[in-house]
Amino acid sequence: MTEPNRVAPLLATWRRMRRWPVGRWLFSRAVCFKAPYFSTIAPRFEVLEPGRCEVRMRDRRGVHNHIGSVHAIALCNLAELAGGVMLDASLPKGMRWIPKGMAVDYLARAHGTMHAVATPGKPIIAAREGYELPVLVEVRDPKGVEVFRADITMWVSPRPADIPR
C-alpha cells in the first residue's frame, strides 16, 4: 500500500496515540477537529492500518431518525469517515484523495452501536496522473448483521508540489 519505509503521518499518529489510556478517544477527537462535520456522529476509531480502518458510532439520540433507528445520513457519514481515514493512512507519499461519489445500500434497520470496516477495492498505487479508487465500507450492528454498505469512488491524484501539507 505505502512505500516500504514510509508511514503516512496520520497512521504514525494513530500508532503513537492508541497506546495511551485515552488515545483512541483523543485520536477520534483530533480527526473531528480536522474535519468538524464528522463530530456529529461522535466516532471512535478501533483499528487503523494500511488498507483497513474500523470505526464505531454509538447508538444515541443525536444520530436517530424519526422512527428511532440510526439515520441513513449518519451511516453515510460513518462510511465516508472510515473510507477517507483508511485511504489517508494508506496513500503513498505525494498523493492525495477526495470523494468523487458514493453508492449505498440500506440492508436492514440500524439499531445499536454501528461498526464500519473500510477497505480498498483495488491496490492503492502512486501514479503520475489521477485515478479512481473504489473504497468498500461495510457497516454491521452489534449482532454482526450487515445493515449498510457503501461503495465510495475516491479520486486519488498526485499532490501539487506548491500546496503545503
N, C-alpha and C. Protein backbone atom coordinates (compact mmCIF):
# COMPACT_ATOMS: atom_id res chain seq x y z
N MET A 1 0.82 -1.18 0.00
CA MET A 1 0.00 0.00 0.00
C MET A 1 0.87 1.26 0.00
N THR A 2 1.73 1.39 1.02
CA THR A 2 2.61 2.55 1.06
C THR A 2 4.01 2.11 0.70
N GLU A 3 4.89 3.10 0.55
CA GLU A 3 6.28 2.80 0.26
C GLU A 3 6.86 2.02 1.43
N PRO A 4 7.79 1.11 1.19
CA PRO A 4 8.28 0.20 2.21
C PRO A 4 8.71 0.85 3.52
N ASN A 5 9.43 1.96 3.49
CA ASN A 5 9.95 2.57 4.71
C ASN A 5 9.18 3.82 5.14
N ARG A 6 8.03 4.06 4.54
CA ARG A 6 7.28 5.26 4.85
C ARG A 6 5.98 4.92 5.56
N VAL A 7 5.71 5.63 6.62
CA VAL A 7 4.43 5.50 7.30
C VAL A 7 3.72 6.84 7.13
N ALA A 8 2.50 6.80 6.66
CA ALA A 8 1.71 8.02 6.48
C ALA A 8 1.62 8.76 7.82
N PRO A 9 1.69 10.08 7.81
CA PRO A 9 1.64 10.84 9.07
C PRO A 9 0.43 10.50 9.94
N LEU A 10 -0.74 10.35 9.34
CA LEU A 10 -1.93 10.01 10.13
C LEU A 10 -1.79 8.65 10.79
N LEU A 11 -1.23 7.70 10.07
CA LEU A 11 -1.02 6.36 10.63
C LEU A 11 0.02 6.40 11.76
N ALA A 12 1.06 7.19 11.61
CA ALA A 12 2.07 7.32 12.67
C ALA A 12 1.43 7.92 13.93
N THR A 13 0.56 8.90 13.74
CA THR A 13 -0.14 9.50 14.88
C THR A 13 -1.02 8.47 15.56
N TRP A 14 -1.76 7.68 14.80
CA TRP A 14 -2.61 6.62 15.36
C TRP A 14 -1.77 5.62 16.17
N ARG A 15 -0.68 5.17 15.58
CA ARG A 15 0.15 4.17 16.26
C ARG A 15 0.70 4.70 17.59
N ARG A 16 1.02 5.97 17.62
CA ARG A 16 1.53 6.56 18.86
C ARG A 16 0.39 6.72 19.87
N MET A 17 -0.73 7.28 19.46
CA MET A 17 -1.82 7.63 20.38
C MET A 17 -2.61 6.43 20.89
N ARG A 18 -2.74 5.38 20.10
CA ARG A 18 -3.58 4.25 20.51
C ARG A 18 -3.06 3.55 21.77
N ARG A 19 -1.78 3.74 22.07
CA ARG A 19 -1.18 3.11 23.25
C ARG A 19 -1.52 3.85 24.54
N TRP A 20 -1.94 5.10 24.44
CA TRP A 20 -2.26 5.90 25.61
C TRP A 20 -3.59 5.45 26.20
N PRO A 21 -3.80 5.66 27.48
CA PRO A 21 -5.07 5.24 28.11
C PRO A 21 -6.32 5.79 27.41
N VAL A 22 -6.30 7.03 26.97
CA VAL A 22 -7.45 7.59 26.25
C VAL A 22 -7.07 7.96 24.81
N GLY A 23 -6.07 7.26 24.30
CA GLY A 23 -5.53 7.59 22.98
C GLY A 23 -6.50 7.44 21.83
N ARG A 24 -7.31 6.40 21.84
CA ARG A 24 -8.27 6.22 20.74
C ARG A 24 -9.30 7.34 20.74
N TRP A 25 -9.73 7.72 21.93
CA TRP A 25 -10.68 8.82 22.05
C TRP A 25 -10.03 10.11 21.56
N LEU A 26 -8.78 10.38 21.99
CA LEU A 26 -8.09 11.60 21.56
C LEU A 26 -7.87 11.62 20.05
N PHE A 27 -7.50 10.46 19.48
CA PHE A 27 -7.31 10.39 18.04
C PHE A 27 -8.62 10.72 17.32
N SER A 28 -9.71 10.14 17.79
CA SER A 28 -11.02 10.40 17.19
C SER A 28 -11.36 11.88 17.26
N ARG A 29 -11.08 12.50 18.40
CA ARG A 29 -11.34 13.94 18.55
C ARG A 29 -10.46 14.76 17.61
N ALA A 30 -9.21 14.36 17.44
CA ALA A 30 -8.29 15.08 16.56
C ALA A 30 -8.77 15.01 15.11
N VAL A 31 -9.23 13.85 14.69
CA VAL A 31 -9.75 13.72 13.32
C VAL A 31 -10.96 14.62 13.14
N CYS A 32 -11.84 14.65 14.14
CA CYS A 32 -13.03 15.51 14.06
C CYS A 32 -12.68 16.99 14.14
N PHE A 33 -11.57 17.33 14.78
CA PHE A 33 -11.13 18.72 14.80
C PHE A 33 -10.69 19.13 13.39
N LYS A 34 -10.00 18.22 12.71
CA LYS A 34 -9.53 18.49 11.34
C LYS A 34 -10.71 18.56 10.35
N ALA A 35 -11.70 17.69 10.54
CA ALA A 35 -12.89 17.64 9.68
C ALA A 35 -14.12 17.70 10.60
N PRO A 36 -14.52 18.91 11.03
CA PRO A 36 -15.51 19.08 12.09
C PRO A 36 -16.87 18.41 11.87
N TYR A 37 -17.29 18.29 10.65
CA TYR A 37 -18.62 17.72 10.42
C TYR A 37 -18.74 16.30 10.97
N PHE A 38 -17.66 15.54 10.97
CA PHE A 38 -17.71 14.16 11.45
C PHE A 38 -17.98 14.08 12.95
N SER A 39 -17.79 15.18 13.67
CA SER A 39 -18.07 15.14 15.11
C SER A 39 -19.56 14.92 15.38
N THR A 40 -20.41 15.14 14.38
CA THR A 40 -21.85 14.93 14.57
C THR A 40 -22.19 13.47 14.86
N ILE A 41 -21.31 12.55 14.47
CA ILE A 41 -21.58 11.13 14.73
C ILE A 41 -20.75 10.59 15.89
N ALA A 42 -19.91 11.43 16.50
CA ALA A 42 -19.07 11.03 17.65
C ALA A 42 -18.38 9.68 17.41
N PRO A 43 -17.55 9.59 16.37
CA PRO A 43 -16.91 8.31 16.05
C PRO A 43 -15.84 7.89 17.05
N ARG A 44 -15.56 6.61 17.06
CA ARG A 44 -14.47 6.07 17.87
C ARG A 44 -13.69 5.10 16.98
N PHE A 45 -12.43 5.42 16.71
CA PHE A 45 -11.60 4.56 15.88
C PHE A 45 -11.15 3.35 16.67
N GLU A 46 -11.22 2.19 16.05
CA GLU A 46 -10.85 0.93 16.68
C GLU A 46 -9.59 0.32 16.07
N VAL A 47 -9.50 0.36 14.73
CA VAL A 47 -8.37 -0.22 14.00
C VAL A 47 -8.01 0.73 12.88
N LEU A 48 -6.72 0.95 12.69
CA LEU A 48 -6.24 1.71 11.54
C LEU A 48 -4.90 1.12 11.13
N GLU A 49 -4.86 0.65 9.91
CA GLU A 49 -3.64 0.10 9.33
C GLU A 49 -3.73 0.31 7.83
N PRO A 50 -2.63 0.21 7.11
CA PRO A 50 -2.71 0.39 5.66
C PRO A 50 -3.74 -0.59 5.07
N GLY A 51 -4.71 -0.04 4.37
CA GLY A 51 -5.72 -0.86 3.73
C GLY A 51 -6.89 -1.26 4.61
N ARG A 52 -6.99 -0.73 5.83
CA ARG A 52 -8.11 -1.10 6.71
C ARG A 52 -8.34 -0.04 7.78
N CYS A 53 -9.61 0.32 7.96
CA CYS A 53 -10.00 1.21 9.04
C CYS A 53 -11.31 0.69 9.62
N GLU A 54 -11.37 0.63 10.95
CA GLU A 54 -12.59 0.24 11.65
C GLU A 54 -12.97 1.35 12.60
N VAL A 55 -14.22 1.79 12.49
CA VAL A 55 -14.74 2.88 13.30
C VAL A 55 -16.10 2.48 13.86
N ARG A 56 -16.35 2.87 15.10
CA ARG A 56 -17.65 2.64 15.73
C ARG A 56 -18.37 3.96 15.95
N MET A 57 -19.70 3.87 15.88
CA MET A 57 -20.57 5.00 16.17
C MET A 57 -21.62 4.52 17.16
N ARG A 58 -21.64 5.14 18.35
CA ARG A 58 -22.61 4.76 19.37
C ARG A 58 -24.03 5.05 18.92
N ASP A 59 -24.94 4.24 19.41
CA ASP A 59 -26.36 4.49 19.19
C ASP A 59 -26.81 5.51 20.24
N ARG A 60 -27.15 6.69 19.77
CA ARG A 60 -27.61 7.75 20.67
C ARG A 60 -28.62 8.60 19.92
N ARG A 61 -29.38 9.37 20.66
CA ARG A 61 -30.46 10.14 20.07
C ARG A 61 -29.99 11.05 18.93
N GLY A 62 -28.80 11.62 19.04
CA GLY A 62 -28.29 12.55 18.03
C GLY A 62 -28.09 11.96 16.65
N VAL A 63 -28.08 10.63 16.50
CA VAL A 63 -27.92 10.01 15.18
C VAL A 63 -29.20 9.27 14.76
N HIS A 64 -30.29 9.47 15.49
CA HIS A 64 -31.55 8.78 15.16
C HIS A 64 -32.38 9.54 14.14
N ASN A 65 -33.22 8.79 13.47
CA ASN A 65 -34.22 9.38 12.59
C ASN A 65 -35.56 9.43 13.33
N HIS A 66 -36.63 9.73 12.62
CA HIS A 66 -37.95 9.87 13.24
C HIS A 66 -38.56 8.56 13.71
N ILE A 67 -38.02 7.42 13.29
CA ILE A 67 -38.57 6.12 13.74
C ILE A 67 -37.67 5.44 14.76
N GLY A 68 -36.64 6.15 15.22
CA GLY A 68 -35.82 5.64 16.31
C GLY A 68 -34.65 4.76 15.91
N SER A 69 -34.41 4.61 14.62
CA SER A 69 -33.23 3.84 14.20
C SER A 69 -32.13 4.83 13.78
N VAL A 70 -30.96 4.30 13.49
CA VAL A 70 -29.84 5.16 13.09
C VAL A 70 -30.15 5.76 11.71
N HIS A 71 -29.99 7.06 11.62
CA HIS A 71 -30.34 7.81 10.41
C HIS A 71 -29.44 7.40 9.24
N ALA A 72 -30.02 7.38 8.06
CA ALA A 72 -29.31 6.99 6.84
C ALA A 72 -28.08 7.86 6.59
N ILE A 73 -28.21 9.16 6.82
CA ILE A 73 -27.08 10.05 6.55
C ILE A 73 -25.99 9.89 7.60
N ALA A 74 -26.36 9.54 8.82
CA ALA A 74 -25.33 9.24 9.84
C ALA A 74 -24.51 8.03 9.38
N LEU A 75 -25.17 7.05 8.77
CA LEU A 75 -24.45 5.88 8.24
C LEU A 75 -23.54 6.29 7.08
N CYS A 76 -24.01 7.21 6.23
CA CYS A 76 -23.17 7.72 5.14
C CYS A 76 -21.95 8.45 5.69
N ASN A 77 -22.15 9.26 6.73
CA ASN A 77 -21.02 9.96 7.35
C ASN A 77 -20.01 8.97 7.91
N LEU A 78 -20.51 7.94 8.59
CA LEU A 78 -19.63 6.92 9.15
C LEU A 78 -18.82 6.24 8.04
N ALA A 79 -19.48 5.93 6.93
CA ALA A 79 -18.80 5.28 5.80
C ALA A 79 -17.74 6.19 5.19
N GLU A 80 -18.09 7.46 4.96
CA GLU A 80 -17.11 8.37 4.36
C GLU A 80 -15.92 8.59 5.28
N LEU A 81 -16.18 8.70 6.58
CA LEU A 81 -15.09 8.87 7.54
C LEU A 81 -14.16 7.66 7.53
N ALA A 82 -14.73 6.47 7.63
CA ALA A 82 -13.90 5.25 7.65
C ALA A 82 -13.10 5.11 6.35
N GLY A 83 -13.75 5.35 5.22
CA GLY A 83 -13.07 5.23 3.93
C GLY A 83 -11.98 6.27 3.74
N GLY A 84 -12.25 7.50 4.13
CA GLY A 84 -11.27 8.56 3.97
C GLY A 84 -10.05 8.39 4.87
N VAL A 85 -10.29 8.01 6.12
CA VAL A 85 -9.17 7.82 7.04
C VAL A 85 -8.33 6.61 6.62
N MET A 86 -9.00 5.54 6.17
CA MET A 86 -8.26 4.37 5.67
C MET A 86 -7.36 4.79 4.52
N LEU A 87 -7.90 5.56 3.60
CA LEU A 87 -7.12 5.97 2.43
C LEU A 87 -5.99 6.91 2.83
N ASP A 88 -6.26 7.84 3.73
CA ASP A 88 -5.23 8.76 4.18
C ASP A 88 -4.06 8.01 4.82
N ALA A 89 -4.37 6.94 5.55
CA ALA A 89 -3.32 6.14 6.21
C ALA A 89 -2.60 5.22 5.25
N SER A 90 -3.11 5.07 4.04
CA SER A 90 -2.58 4.09 3.09
C SER A 90 -1.89 4.69 1.88
N LEU A 91 -2.09 5.96 1.63
CA LEU A 91 -1.56 6.57 0.40
C LEU A 91 -0.04 6.68 0.39
N PRO A 92 0.54 6.45 -0.77
CA PRO A 92 1.98 6.72 -0.92
C PRO A 92 2.24 8.23 -0.77
N LYS A 93 3.45 8.56 -0.40
CA LYS A 93 3.84 9.96 -0.24
C LYS A 93 3.59 10.73 -1.53
N GLY A 94 3.11 11.93 -1.38
CA GLY A 94 2.88 12.79 -2.54
C GLY A 94 1.53 12.60 -3.21
N MET A 95 0.67 11.74 -2.65
CA MET A 95 -0.66 11.52 -3.22
C MET A 95 -1.71 12.11 -2.28
N ARG A 96 -2.86 12.45 -2.84
CA ARG A 96 -3.98 12.97 -2.08
C ARG A 96 -5.27 12.34 -2.60
N TRP A 97 -6.37 12.56 -1.88
CA TRP A 97 -7.64 11.95 -2.26
C TRP A 97 -8.80 12.91 -1.98
N ILE A 98 -9.90 12.64 -2.66
CA ILE A 98 -11.15 13.34 -2.38
C ILE A 98 -12.28 12.41 -2.84
N PRO A 99 -13.39 12.37 -2.10
CA PRO A 99 -14.51 11.54 -2.56
C PRO A 99 -15.09 12.11 -3.85
N LYS A 100 -15.43 11.22 -4.75
CA LYS A 100 -15.99 11.62 -6.04
C LYS A 100 -17.46 11.19 -6.15
N GLY A 101 -17.80 10.12 -5.47
CA GLY A 101 -19.18 9.63 -5.50
C GLY A 101 -19.35 8.51 -4.50
N MET A 102 -20.60 8.22 -4.18
CA MET A 102 -20.86 7.14 -3.23
C MET A 102 -22.20 6.50 -3.58
N ALA A 103 -22.17 5.18 -3.70
CA ALA A 103 -23.40 4.40 -3.89
C ALA A 103 -23.62 3.61 -2.60
N VAL A 104 -24.83 3.64 -2.10
CA VAL A 104 -25.09 2.99 -0.81
C VAL A 104 -26.27 2.03 -0.92
N ASP A 105 -26.24 1.03 -0.07
CA ASP A 105 -27.34 0.08 0.07
C ASP A 105 -27.72 0.03 1.54
N TYR A 106 -28.98 0.29 1.83
CA TYR A 106 -29.51 0.16 3.18
C TYR A 106 -30.11 -1.23 3.25
N LEU A 107 -29.51 -2.10 4.04
CA LEU A 107 -29.85 -3.51 4.02
C LEU A 107 -30.81 -3.93 5.13
N ALA A 108 -30.81 -3.20 6.24
CA ALA A 108 -31.70 -3.52 7.36
C ALA A 108 -31.77 -2.30 8.26
N ARG A 109 -32.80 -2.24 9.12
CA ARG A 109 -32.89 -1.15 10.08
C ARG A 109 -31.67 -1.21 11.00
N ALA A 110 -31.09 -0.05 11.25
CA ALA A 110 -29.86 0.02 12.03
C ALA A 110 -30.19 0.40 13.47
N HIS A 111 -29.89 -0.50 14.40
CA HIS A 111 -30.08 -0.26 15.83
C HIS A 111 -28.81 -0.67 16.56
N GLY A 112 -28.43 0.11 17.55
CA GLY A 112 -27.26 -0.22 18.35
C GLY A 112 -26.01 0.46 17.81
N THR A 113 -24.89 0.16 18.44
CA THR A 113 -23.61 0.70 18.01
C THR A 113 -23.25 0.13 16.64
N MET A 114 -22.94 1.03 15.71
CA MET A 114 -22.58 0.62 14.36
C MET A 114 -21.07 0.45 14.25
N HIS A 115 -20.66 -0.58 13.51
CA HIS A 115 -19.24 -0.90 13.33
C HIS A 115 -18.95 -0.90 11.83
N ALA A 116 -18.18 0.09 11.38
CA ALA A 116 -17.82 0.22 9.96
C ALA A 116 -16.43 -0.30 9.71
N VAL A 117 -16.27 -1.02 8.59
CA VAL A 117 -14.96 -1.51 8.16
C VAL A 117 -14.76 -1.05 6.72
N ALA A 118 -13.68 -0.29 6.50
CA ALA A 118 -13.36 0.22 5.16
C ALA A 118 -12.11 -0.45 4.63
N THR A 119 -12.18 -0.87 3.36
CA THR A 119 -11.04 -1.48 2.67
C THR A 119 -11.02 -0.98 1.23
N PRO A 120 -9.84 -0.95 0.60
CA PRO A 120 -9.79 -0.53 -0.80
C PRO A 120 -10.31 -1.64 -1.71
N GLY A 121 -10.95 -1.23 -2.81
CA GLY A 121 -11.47 -2.20 -3.77
C GLY A 121 -10.43 -2.69 -4.76
N LYS A 122 -9.28 -2.02 -4.80
CA LYS A 122 -8.16 -2.45 -5.64
C LYS A 122 -6.90 -1.87 -5.02
N PRO A 123 -5.71 -2.29 -5.47
CA PRO A 123 -4.47 -1.79 -4.86
C PRO A 123 -4.33 -0.28 -4.97
N ILE A 124 -3.79 0.30 -3.91
CA ILE A 124 -3.52 1.74 -3.87
C ILE A 124 -2.10 1.93 -4.39
N ILE A 125 -1.96 2.77 -5.40
CA ILE A 125 -0.65 2.96 -6.03
C ILE A 125 -0.29 4.43 -6.13
N ALA A 126 1.00 4.70 -6.23
CA ALA A 126 1.47 6.03 -6.58
C ALA A 126 1.36 6.14 -8.10
N ALA A 127 0.90 7.27 -8.58
CA ALA A 127 0.73 7.44 -10.02
C ALA A 127 1.05 8.89 -10.40
N ARG A 128 1.41 9.07 -11.66
CA ARG A 128 1.71 10.42 -12.16
C ARG A 128 0.43 11.17 -12.51
N GLU A 129 -0.65 10.43 -12.72
CA GLU A 129 -1.94 11.04 -13.05
C GLU A 129 -2.99 10.52 -12.08
N GLY A 130 -4.08 11.27 -11.95
CA GLY A 130 -5.15 10.87 -11.06
C GLY A 130 -5.86 9.62 -11.54
N TYR A 131 -6.47 8.91 -10.59
CA TYR A 131 -7.24 7.71 -10.93
C TYR A 131 -8.36 7.50 -9.92
N GLU A 132 -9.37 6.77 -10.34
CA GLU A 132 -10.47 6.43 -9.45
C GLU A 132 -10.12 5.19 -8.65
N LEU A 133 -10.43 5.23 -7.37
CA LEU A 133 -10.18 4.10 -6.49
C LEU A 133 -11.47 3.77 -5.75
N PRO A 134 -12.00 2.57 -5.93
CA PRO A 134 -13.17 2.20 -5.14
C PRO A 134 -12.78 1.85 -3.71
N VAL A 135 -13.55 2.34 -2.76
CA VAL A 135 -13.37 2.00 -1.35
C VAL A 135 -14.67 1.36 -0.88
N LEU A 136 -14.56 0.20 -0.29
CA LEU A 136 -15.73 -0.55 0.16
C LEU A 136 -15.88 -0.39 1.67
N VAL A 137 -17.09 -0.09 2.11
CA VAL A 137 -17.35 0.07 3.54
C VAL A 137 -18.57 -0.77 3.89
N GLU A 138 -18.39 -1.66 4.85
CA GLU A 138 -19.49 -2.46 5.39
C GLU A 138 -19.78 -1.98 6.79
N VAL A 139 -21.06 -1.83 7.13
CA VAL A 139 -21.45 -1.41 8.47
C VAL A 139 -22.34 -2.49 9.06
N ARG A 140 -21.98 -2.94 10.25
CA ARG A 140 -22.71 -4.01 10.94
C ARG A 140 -23.23 -3.53 12.29
N ASP A 141 -24.32 -4.16 12.72
CA ASP A 141 -24.90 -3.86 14.03
C ASP A 141 -24.24 -4.73 15.10
N PRO A 142 -24.62 -4.59 16.36
CA PRO A 142 -23.97 -5.37 17.42
C PRO A 142 -24.11 -6.89 17.28
N LYS A 143 -25.10 -7.34 16.53
CA LYS A 143 -25.29 -8.78 16.31
C LYS A 143 -24.47 -9.29 15.12
N GLY A 144 -23.77 -8.38 14.44
CA GLY A 144 -22.96 -8.76 13.29
C GLY A 144 -23.72 -8.75 11.97
N VAL A 145 -24.95 -8.26 11.99
CA VAL A 145 -25.76 -8.18 10.78
C VAL A 145 -25.33 -6.96 9.97
N GLU A 146 -25.06 -7.16 8.69
CA GLU A 146 -24.71 -6.04 7.83
C GLU A 146 -25.98 -5.23 7.55
N VAL A 147 -25.98 -3.97 7.99
CA VAL A 147 -27.15 -3.12 7.83
C VAL A 147 -26.98 -2.08 6.73
N PHE A 148 -25.75 -1.87 6.30
CA PHE A 148 -25.46 -0.80 5.35
C PHE A 148 -24.17 -1.13 4.62
N ARG A 149 -24.13 -0.76 3.35
CA ARG A 149 -22.92 -0.97 2.54
C ARG A 149 -22.73 0.26 1.66
N ALA A 150 -21.49 0.71 1.55
CA ALA A 150 -21.18 1.84 0.68
C ALA A 150 -20.03 1.48 -0.25
N ASP A 151 -20.16 1.92 -1.47
CA ASP A 151 -19.07 1.82 -2.46
C ASP A 151 -18.72 3.26 -2.80
N ILE A 152 -17.60 3.72 -2.25
CA ILE A 152 -17.20 5.12 -2.42
C ILE A 152 -16.14 5.20 -3.51
N THR A 153 -16.38 6.06 -4.47
CA THR A 153 -15.38 6.30 -5.51
C THR A 153 -14.53 7.47 -5.06
N MET A 154 -13.25 7.20 -4.84
CA MET A 154 -12.30 8.24 -4.44
C MET A 154 -11.46 8.63 -5.65
N TRP A 155 -11.19 9.91 -5.75
CA TRP A 155 -10.26 10.40 -6.77
C TRP A 155 -8.91 10.56 -6.10
N VAL A 156 -7.94 9.78 -6.54
CA VAL A 156 -6.58 9.80 -5.99
C VAL A 156 -5.69 10.44 -7.03
N SER A 157 -4.90 11.43 -6.61
CA SER A 157 -4.06 12.14 -7.57
C SER A 157 -2.78 12.62 -6.90
N PRO A 158 -1.76 12.95 -7.73
CA PRO A 158 -0.53 13.49 -7.17
C PRO A 158 -0.79 14.84 -6.50
N ARG A 159 -0.14 15.06 -5.40
CA ARG A 159 -0.26 16.34 -4.68
C ARG A 159 0.65 17.35 -5.38
N PRO A 160 0.10 18.50 -5.78
CA PRO A 160 0.95 19.53 -6.38
C PRO A 160 2.03 19.95 -5.40
N ALA A 161 3.23 20.17 -5.90
CA ALA A 161 4.37 20.50 -5.05
C ALA A 161 4.19 21.80 -4.30
N ASP A 162 3.37 22.73 -4.83
CA ASP A 162 3.26 24.03 -4.20
C ASP A 162 2.15 24.11 -3.14
N ILE A 163 1.46 23.00 -2.89
CA ILE A 163 0.42 23.01 -1.86
C ILE A 163 1.02 22.50 -0.55
N PRO A 164 1.04 23.35 0.48
CA PRO A 164 1.59 22.87 1.76
C PRO A 164 0.69 21.81 2.36
N ARG A 165 1.29 20.86 3.04
CA ARG A 165 0.54 19.77 3.63
C ARG A 165 0.07 20.16 4.94
